Amino acid sequence: MKDLKGKVAFITGGGSGIGFGIAKCAAEAGMKVAIADVRADHLEQGLAKLRAAGHVVHGLLVDVADAAAVERAAQETVNVFGKVHLVCNNAGVSIFGPMDVATMDDWRWIMGVNVDGVINGIQAFMPRLKAHGEGGHIVNTASMAGLLVGPGMGLYSASKFAVVGLTTSLRYDLAPHGIGVSVLCPGFVRSNIHEAVKSRPKNLAATGYPVTEEDMKRLDGVLSVGMDPVEVGSHVIAGVRENRQYIFPHAEFRDELRAVADEILAALPDRDPEPARMAVEDWRRQRKADAAKLIKNL
């Protein structure tokens, strides 16, 4: 989707952080923008900044873990702007610590926002993108933690690995409809994700990871060295225009990704593949190659 001027973007978590950065860059590219956020204060701040710059924007207070709420937001966006072309399922929360102390509420909260939130956005907007026949693009925000793991990252990485997997598969499924799909995998960004616990539902409050104000200040300090959200947004808009599968704004992970890829390849058995199984895999790969031709032409 190279020509963005006059088209419509919908962005979750759009009141601050990466979501706001994407919204600003989309608006500067000439798009009309609907931003959704679970926090009213972030939503109002984001809307005020965009309107002050003269952009056409609409705000929606939405919990992305609520499928019905996301469906209502999709319909409201269409009611206001007529169509939607770019959907950024960006809202996310974080939680860190050893997996062996996690509660089921911890799992339900992080998976509900980070995975179900993306699924809810896809389910609500995908039929609308297909219906107008003008093509479009979906960007799902994962993380470098969706490709690289370490101690204390289990819940967060599990959610982000899921987003990477569903997004890269969706890319093939939507290519016949002229819809591009990208997964955004950022590293550290100056954002408010350290405050995510403030929007955690009370019915999911039982946690193995109690977070204090001091903890939030410490994480805020770590995030202070992060990339400017608007710079991330510029990478997203470039990725949409070029229909990239992966949008990687940060260069710090090149060697680590290479090492992971090498470790995976080294773990394969050193023998010839079994012919019957290889035939099945060749059939799968051919289907993938056929879909890739469609993607290349988007």
Protein backbone atom coordinates (compact mmCIF):
# COMPACT_ATOMS: atom_id res chain seq x y z
CA MET A 1 0.00 0.00 0.00
CA LYS A 2 2.26 2.74 -1.31
CA ASP A 3 -0.22 5.61 -1.60
CA LEU A 4 -1.46 6.54 1.88
CA LYS A 5 -2.83 10.04 1.29
CA GLY A 6 -6.55 10.29 2.05
CA LYS A 7 -6.74 6.75 3.40
CA VAL A 8 -7.76 5.72 6.92
CA ALA A 9 -5.69 4.19 9.71
CA PHE A 10 -6.89 2.58 12.94
CA ILE A 11 -4.29 2.20 15.70
CA THR A 12 -4.67 0.61 19.13
CA GLY A 13 -2.61 1.90 22.01
CA GLY A 14 -2.56 5.07 19.95
CA GLY A 15 -2.63 7.60 22.76
CA SER A 16 1.03 7.28 23.67
CA GLY A 17 4.25 5.42 22.95
CA ILE A 18 4.65 3.44 19.75
CA GLY A 19 0.97 3.75 18.91
CA PHE A 20 1.14 7.54 19.02
CA GLY A 21 4.35 7.49 16.98
CA ILE A 22 2.61 5.44 14.29
CA ALA A 23 -0.44 7.71 14.40
CA LYS A 24 1.69 10.85 14.00
CA CYS A 25 3.60 9.42 11.05
CA ALA A 26 0.41 8.10 9.41
CA ALA A 27 -1.24 11.49 9.78
CA GLU A 28 1.82 13.26 8.37
CA ALA A 29 1.57 10.90 5.38
CA GLY A 30 -1.91 12.32 4.75
CA MET A 31 -4.01 9.65 6.41
CA LYS A 32 -7.12 10.15 8.52
CA VAL A 33 -6.43 8.44 11.83
CA ALA A 34 -8.55 6.73 14.47
CA ILE A 35 -6.67 6.06 17.69
CA ALA A 36 -7.91 3.70 20.38
CA ASP A 37 -6.61 3.46 23.91
CA VAL A 38 -7.65 1.86 27.19
CA ARG A 39 -6.59 4.93 29.18
CA ALA A 40 -8.69 8.06 28.80
CA ASP A 41 -5.81 10.35 29.83
CA HIS A 42 -3.48 8.93 27.18
CA LEU A 43 -6.23 9.08 24.56
CA GLU A 44 -7.02 12.75 25.23
CA GLN A 45 -3.33 13.71 25.25
CA GLY A 46 -2.73 11.94 21.96
CA LEU A 47 -5.78 13.47 20.31
CA ALA A 48 -4.83 16.95 21.51
CA LYS A 49 -1.33 16.70 20.03
CA LEU A 50 -2.57 15.43 16.67
CA ARG A 51 -5.36 18.00 16.41
CA ALA A 52 -2.98 20.80 17.34
CA ALA A 53 -0.90 19.78 14.33
CA GLY A 54 -3.98 20.04 12.12
CA HIS A 55 -4.53 16.34 11.54
CA VAL A 56 -7.88 14.62 11.02
CA VAL A 57 -8.29 12.25 13.97
CA HIS A 58 -10.94 10.40 15.95
CA GLY A 59 -10.55 8.82 19.37
CA LEU A 60 -12.05 5.69 20.87
CA LEU A 61 -11.78 4.37 24.43
CA VAL A 62 -11.26 0.63 23.91
CA ASP A 63 -10.02 -2.39 25.84
CA VAL A 64 -8.57 -4.56 23.07
CA ALA A 65 -9.08 -7.70 25.19
CA ASP A 66 -12.85 -7.15 24.78
CA ALA A 67 -13.81 -8.53 21.37
CA ALA A 68 -17.22 -6.81 21.38
CA ALA A 69 -15.59 -3.46 22.17
CA VAL A 70 -13.13 -3.84 19.30
CA GLU A 71 -15.99 -4.75 16.95
CA ARG A 72 -17.84 -1.59 18.02
CA ALA A 73 -14.68 0.45 17.47
CA ALA A 74 -14.32 -0.97 13.95
CA GLN A 75 -17.87 -0.03 13.07
CA GLU A 76 -17.51 3.44 14.61
CA THR A 77 -14.35 4.05 12.60
CA VAL A 78 -16.17 3.12 9.40
CA ASN A 79 -19.12 5.31 10.41
CA VAL A 80 -16.82 8.29 10.93
CA PHE A 81 -14.38 7.87 8.04
CA GLY A 82 -16.21 5.58 5.60
CA LYS A 83 -13.48 2.97 5.24
CA VAL A 84 -10.36 1.61 6.91
CA HIS A 85 -7.16 0.76 5.03
CA LEU A 86 -4.43 0.42 7.64
CA VAL A 87 -4.97 -1.46 10.91
CA CYS A 88 -2.24 -1.41 13.55
CA ASN A 89 -2.91 -3.86 16.36
CA ASN A 90 -0.34 -2.26 18.62
CA ALA A 91 -1.68 -2.19 22.19
CA GLY A 92 0.30 -4.35 24.59
CA VAL A 93 1.30 -4.90 28.19
CA SER A 94 4.41 -6.31 29.81
CA ILE A 95 5.18 -8.48 32.79
CA PHE A 96 8.55 -9.87 33.78
CA GLY A 97 9.86 -12.42 36.27
CA PRO A 98 10.39 -16.17 36.69
CA MET A 99 7.65 -18.24 35.07
CA ASP A 100 7.42 -20.54 38.09
CA VAL A 101 5.79 -17.79 40.19
CA ALA A 102 3.22 -16.73 37.59
CA THR A 103 -0.47 -16.98 38.46
CA MET A 104 -3.25 -17.84 36.03
CA ASP A 105 -4.35 -14.19 36.31
CA ASP A 106 -0.89 -13.15 35.08
CA TRP A 107 -1.24 -15.46 32.08
CA ARG A 108 -4.82 -14.37 31.35
CA TRP A 109 -3.95 -10.68 31.52
CA ILE A 110 -0.90 -10.71 29.27
CA MET A 111 -2.32 -13.16 26.74
CA GLY A 112 -5.69 -11.38 26.76
CA VAL A 113 -4.13 -8.07 25.73
CA ASN A 114 -1.08 -9.10 23.70
CA VAL A 115 -2.57 -12.05 21.80
CA ASP A 116 -6.36 -11.82 22.03
CA GLY A 117 -6.10 -8.06 21.43
CA VAL A 118 -4.39 -8.71 18.11
CA ILE A 119 -6.84 -11.47 17.20
CA ASN A 120 -9.80 -9.23 18.07
CA GLY A 121 -8.42 -6.50 15.82
CA ILE A 122 -7.93 -8.93 12.95
CA GLN A 123 -11.40 -10.42 13.32
CA ALA A 124 -13.10 -7.02 13.50
CA PHE A 125 -11.26 -5.27 10.68
CA MET A 126 -10.32 -8.04 8.24
CA PRO A 127 -13.85 -8.33 6.74
CA ARG A 128 -14.00 -4.56 6.38
CA LEU A 129 -10.63 -4.40 4.62
CA LYS A 130 -11.70 -7.11 2.22
CA ALA A 131 -15.14 -5.59 1.59
CA HIS A 132 -14.09 -2.27 0.05
CA GLY A 133 -11.77 -3.97 -2.44
CA GLU A 134 -9.11 -1.25 -2.30
CA GLY A 135 -6.51 -3.37 -0.57
CA GLY A 136 -4.92 -2.39 2.69
CA HIS A 137 -2.43 -3.40 5.32
CA ILE A 138 -2.33 -4.87 8.82
CA VAL A 139 0.57 -4.28 11.20
CA ASN A 140 0.70 -6.34 14.38
CA THR A 141 3.10 -5.24 17.10
CA ALA A 142 5.16 -8.06 18.57
CA SER A 143 8.65 -7.41 19.97
CA MET A 144 12.20 -8.59 19.59
CA ALA A 145 11.14 -10.69 22.59
CA GLY A 146 9.02 -12.58 20.06
CA LEU A 147 12.24 -13.86 18.49
CA LEU A 148 14.79 -13.71 21.31
CA VAL A 149 14.30 -14.90 24.88
CA GLY A 150 16.05 -14.74 28.22
CA PRO A 151 15.48 -15.15 31.96
CA GLY A 152 12.31 -13.62 33.32
CA MET A 153 10.75 -13.06 29.90
CA GLY A 154 8.61 -16.19 29.62
CA LEU A 155 5.08 -14.77 29.72
CA TYR A 156 5.90 -11.74 27.63
CA SER A 157 7.88 -13.72 25.07
CA ALA A 158 5.16 -16.38 24.81
CA SER A 159 2.65 -13.70 23.88
CA LYS A 160 4.96 -12.05 21.39
CA PHE A 161 6.06 -15.32 19.75
CA ALA A 162 2.35 -15.97 19.17
CA VAL A 163 1.95 -12.61 17.45
CA VAL A 164 4.94 -13.27 15.19
CA GLY A 165 3.55 -16.67 14.18
CA LEU A 166 -0.01 -15.59 13.48
CA THR A 167 1.12 -12.49 11.60
CA THR A 168 3.56 -14.20 9.25
CA SER A 169 0.92 -16.81 8.40
CA LEU A 170 -1.82 -14.19 7.91
CA ARG A 171 0.43 -12.50 5.36
CA TYR A 172 -0.04 -15.44 2.99
CA ASP A 173 -3.77 -15.75 3.61
CA LEU A 174 -4.56 -12.11 2.84
CA ALA A 175 -2.29 -11.67 -0.19
CA PRO A 176 -5.04 -12.83 -2.63
CA HIS A 177 -7.18 -9.96 -1.35
CA GLY A 178 -4.53 -7.32 -1.95
CA ILE A 179 -3.92 -6.86 1.77
CA GLY A 180 -0.37 -6.69 3.09
CA VAL A 181 0.61 -7.86 6.57
CA SER A 182 3.65 -6.96 8.66
CA VAL A 183 4.90 -7.76 12.14
CA LEU A 184 6.62 -4.99 14.07
CA CYS A 185 9.39 -6.20 16.39
CA PRO A 186 10.88 -3.27 18.29
CA GLY A 187 13.50 -3.24 21.01
CA PHE A 188 13.57 -0.58 23.73
CA VAL A 189 11.32 2.39 23.00
CA ARG A 190 10.59 5.45 25.14
CA SER A 191 7.01 4.58 26.05
CA ASN A 192 4.58 4.19 28.94
CA ILE A 193 4.59 0.39 28.93
CA HIS A 194 6.10 0.45 32.42
CA GLU A 195 2.71 1.80 33.56
CA ALA A 196 0.76 -1.08 31.99
CA VAL A 197 -0.09 -2.49 35.42
CA LYS A 198 -2.23 0.61 36.06
CA SER A 199 -4.76 -0.60 33.48
CA ARG A 200 -4.78 -4.22 34.67
CA PRO A 201 -8.38 -5.38 35.31
CA LYS A 202 -9.32 -5.88 38.94
CA ASN A 203 -10.70 -9.33 38.18
CA LEU A 204 -7.19 -10.39 37.08
CA ALA A 205 -5.34 -8.81 39.99
CA ALA A 206 -3.88 -11.94 41.61
CA THR A 207 -0.24 -11.81 40.58
CA GLY A 208 3.08 -13.46 41.23
CA TYR A 209 4.78 -10.23 40.15
CA PRO A 210 3.80 -7.39 42.49
CA VAL A 211 4.90 -4.08 40.95
CA THR A 212 5.76 -1.09 43.13
CA GLU A 213 6.11 2.56 42.16
CA GLU A 214 9.86 2.09 42.57
CA ASP A 215 9.76 -0.79 40.07
CA MET A 216 7.96 1.44 37.54
CA LYS A 217 10.49 4.23 38.03
CA ARG A 218 13.35 1.79 37.50
CA LEU A 219 11.82 0.45 34.26
CA ASP A 220 11.12 4.01 33.13
CA GLY A 221 14.82 4.70 33.57
CA VAL A 222 15.70 1.72 31.39
CA LEU A 223 13.24 2.84 28.73
CA SER A 224 14.72 6.34 28.71
CA VAL A 225 17.53 5.10 26.44
CA GLY A 226 14.96 3.71 24.02
CA MET A 227 14.15 4.84 20.51
CA ASP A 228 11.82 7.79 20.02
CA PRO A 229 8.31 6.41 19.28
CA VAL A 230 8.00 8.69 16.26
CA GLU A 231 11.15 7.13 14.80
CA VAL A 232 9.52 3.72 15.27
CA GLY A 233 6.43 5.09 13.57
CA SER A 234 8.48 6.18 10.57
CA HIS A 235 9.82 2.62 10.25
CA VAL A 236 6.24 1.31 10.34
CA ILE A 237 5.04 3.61 7.58
CA ALA A 238 8.06 2.69 5.45
CA GLY A 239 7.37 -0.98 6.14
CA VAL A 240 3.75 -0.60 5.05
CA ARG A 241 4.74 1.15 1.83
CA GLU A 242 7.31 -1.56 1.05
CA ASN A 243 5.08 -4.40 2.31
CA ARG A 244 7.79 -5.81 4.54
CA GLN A 245 7.11 -9.02 6.42
CA TYR A 246 9.27 -7.92 9.36
CA ILE A 247 9.66 -4.35 10.57
CA PHE A 248 12.82 -4.18 12.69
CA PRO A 249 13.55 -0.60 13.81
CA HIS A 250 16.51 -1.55 16.06
CA ALA A 251 19.93 -2.59 14.79
CA GLU A 252 21.20 -3.91 18.13
CA PHE A 253 20.01 -7.48 17.58
CA ARG A 254 21.77 -8.50 14.37
CA ASP A 255 24.44 -10.72 15.93
CA GLU A 256 22.03 -12.33 18.38
CA LEU A 257 19.51 -13.16 15.66
CA ARG A 258 22.29 -14.65 13.53
CA ALA A 259 23.44 -16.79 16.46
CA VAL A 260 19.89 -18.07 17.06
CA ALA A 261 19.49 -18.93 13.37
CA ASP A 262 22.83 -20.74 13.38
CA GLU A 263 21.87 -22.70 16.50
CA ILE A 264 18.57 -23.78 14.92
CA LEU A 265 20.29 -24.95 11.72
CA ALA A 266 22.98 -26.76 13.69
CA ALA A 267 20.30 -28.71 15.58
CA LEU A 268 19.00 -30.36 12.39
CA PRO A 269 20.09 -34.00 11.93
CA ASP A 270 23.03 -34.49 9.60
CA ARG A 271 21.37 -36.90 7.16
CA ASP A 272 19.40 -36.88 3.93
CA PRO A 273 15.67 -36.16 4.24
CA GLU A 274 13.17 -39.03 3.95
CA PRO A 275 11.72 -38.85 0.38
CA ALA A 276 8.03 -39.35 1.22
CA ARG A 277 8.11 -36.69 3.91
CA MET A 278 10.15 -34.42 1.66
CA ALA A 279 7.45 -34.65 -1.00
CA VAL A 280 4.87 -33.37 1.50
CA GLU A 281 7.15 -30.54 2.53
CA ASP A 282 7.84 -29.67 -1.11
CA TRP A 283 4.08 -29.39 -1.68
CA ARG A 284 3.78 -27.07 1.31
CA ARG A 285 6.69 -24.97 0.13
CA GLN A 286 5.20 -24.67 -3.35
CA ARG A 287 1.96 -23.31 -1.89
CA LYS A 288 4.02 -20.82 0.07
CA ALA A 289 5.95 -19.82 -3.05
CA ASP A 290 2.72 -19.30 -5.00
CA ALA A 291 1.37 -17.02 -2.25
CA ALA A 292 4.71 -15.18 -2.12
CA LYS A 293 4.28 -14.21 -5.78
CA LEU A 294 1.03 -12.45 -4.86
CA ILE A 295 2.72 -10.71 -1.93
CA LYS A 296 5.52 -9.47 -4.18
CA ASN A 297 2.97 -7.77 -6.43
CA LEU A 298 1.14 -5.90 -3.66
